[in-house]
Every structure is written in C-alpha cells, then in structure tokens.
Amino acid sequence: RFKSAHPDVGPPKVETAMSDFREKIDNLDVRGISSSSVVTAFGLVVALNWKDAVNALVGRIIPSGSASSLLGQFIAGFGLSTVLR
C-alpha cells in the first residue's frame, strides 16, 4: 500500500495517469521521428562511403607498404578535421 508522510497526499489516480499517457501519445510526432531516422540512416551510409573514398585516396598517395603510411593517415585525418570544422 501507498503510505505518505503527508496525510493529504494519497495514491496517484489511475485515470489521471492514463489521461497523461494518452496526451503524450497524441502529441508524439511519429512521422517526424520516422523521417528523421531514415535521413540519419542515409547520412550514415554516405559518411561510410566517404570514409572508404578518403582511405583509398590516402592509399594511392602513400603506398601501404611504406613506413610513413600511418603518418599519412594521421595527416589526412587531421587535415579533414581541420577543413570540415
């Protein structure tokens, strides 16, 4: 049972809780959430494609067998981070 330190406070009303729940459901923008999720998914696919393209470009400029390939990847990452800010 619900016990309160204050005598004027009782257990929450089920009807009030259900009406609050229904109001929140009615205000939920399902279409907006769905379209935002789809756009975000496409954005992730595009970002992964660009990652592969940049990796291929760095691989052509600095061959992977050379000792400086890791340094080249760090330079490319730093350069892209600087340009995209």
Protein backbone atom coordinates (compact mmCIF):
# COMPACT_ATOMS: atom_id res chain seq x y z
CA ARG A 1 0.00 0.00 0.00
CA PHE A 2 0.97 3.59 -0.63
CA LYS A 3 1.96 5.41 2.55
CA SER A 4 2.81 9.08 2.60
CA ALA A 5 4.33 11.29 5.27
CA HIS A 6 1.66 13.86 4.47
CA PRO A 7 -1.92 12.93 5.31
CA ASP A 8 -3.39 14.93 2.39
CA VAL A 9 -1.35 13.06 -0.25
CA GLY A 10 -2.86 9.82 -1.46
CA PRO A 11 -2.03 7.25 -4.10
CA PRO A 12 -1.93 8.53 -7.70
CA LYS A 13 -5.17 8.20 -9.59
CA VAL A 14 -5.15 5.66 -12.41
CA GLU A 15 -7.43 7.84 -14.52
CA THR A 16 -5.07 10.80 -14.25
CA ALA A 17 -2.08 8.66 -15.16
CA MET A 18 -3.88 7.18 -18.17
CA SER A 19 -5.03 10.58 -19.43
CA ASP A 20 -1.47 11.91 -19.12
CA PHE A 21 -0.23 8.88 -21.05
CA ARG A 22 -2.83 9.34 -23.80
CA GLU A 23 -1.99 13.04 -24.07
CA LYS A 24 1.71 12.24 -24.52
CA ILE A 25 0.88 9.61 -27.17
CA ASP A 26 -1.32 12.10 -29.04
CA ASN A 27 1.48 14.68 -29.03
CA LEU A 28 4.03 12.18 -30.35
CA ASP A 29 5.15 13.06 -33.89
CA VAL A 30 5.64 9.58 -35.36
CA ARG A 31 6.01 10.82 -38.93
CA GLY A 32 8.71 13.29 -37.92
CA ILE A 33 10.59 10.70 -35.90
CA SER A 34 10.42 8.18 -38.76
CA SER A 35 11.62 10.62 -41.41
CA SER A 36 14.42 11.80 -39.14
CA SER A 37 15.53 8.21 -38.61
CA VAL A 38 15.58 7.50 -42.36
CA VAL A 39 17.59 10.66 -43.10
CA THR A 40 20.04 9.77 -40.33
CA ALA A 41 20.48 6.26 -41.76
CA PHE A 42 21.22 7.67 -45.21
CA GLY A 43 23.67 10.11 -43.66
CA LEU A 44 25.50 7.22 -42.01
CA VAL A 45 25.73 5.35 -45.34
CA VAL A 46 27.11 8.47 -47.06
CA ALA A 47 29.66 9.02 -44.27
CA LEU A 48 30.89 5.43 -44.54
CA ASN A 49 31.19 5.80 -48.32
CA TRP A 50 33.27 8.97 -47.90
CA LYS A 51 35.46 7.17 -45.35
CA ASP A 52 36.22 4.47 -47.89
CA ALA A 53 36.91 7.06 -50.60
CA VAL A 54 39.32 9.01 -48.40
CA ASN A 55 41.08 5.81 -47.33
CA ALA A 56 41.51 4.81 -50.98
CA LEU A 57 42.88 8.26 -51.84
CA VAL A 58 45.39 8.16 -48.98
CA GLY A 59 46.33 4.61 -50.06
CA ARG A 60 47.13 5.85 -53.57
CA ILE A 61 49.12 8.84 -52.42
CA ILE A 62 51.07 6.95 -49.75
CA PRO A 63 51.56 3.25 -50.54
CA SER A 64 50.55 0.95 -47.71
CA GLY A 65 53.93 -0.81 -47.67
CA SER A 66 55.84 2.35 -46.81
CA ALA A 67 56.80 3.19 -43.26
CA SER A 68 55.03 6.55 -43.45
CA SER A 69 51.55 5.20 -44.31
CA LEU A 70 50.35 5.52 -40.71
CA LEU A 71 51.71 9.05 -40.55
CA GLY A 72 49.91 9.81 -43.82
CA GLN A 73 46.62 8.59 -42.39
CA PHE A 74 47.06 10.80 -39.34
CA ILE A 75 47.89 13.79 -41.56
CA ALA A 76 44.83 13.12 -43.73
CA GLY A 77 42.61 12.75 -40.66
CA PHE A 78 43.93 15.97 -39.16
CA GLY A 79 43.57 17.81 -42.48
CA LEU A 80 39.98 16.66 -42.99
CA SER A 81 39.08 17.50 -39.40
CA THR A 82 40.51 20.99 -39.87
CA VAL A 83 38.76 21.58 -43.21
CA LEU A 84 35.37 20.26 -42.03
CA ARG A 85 35.23 22.45 -38.94
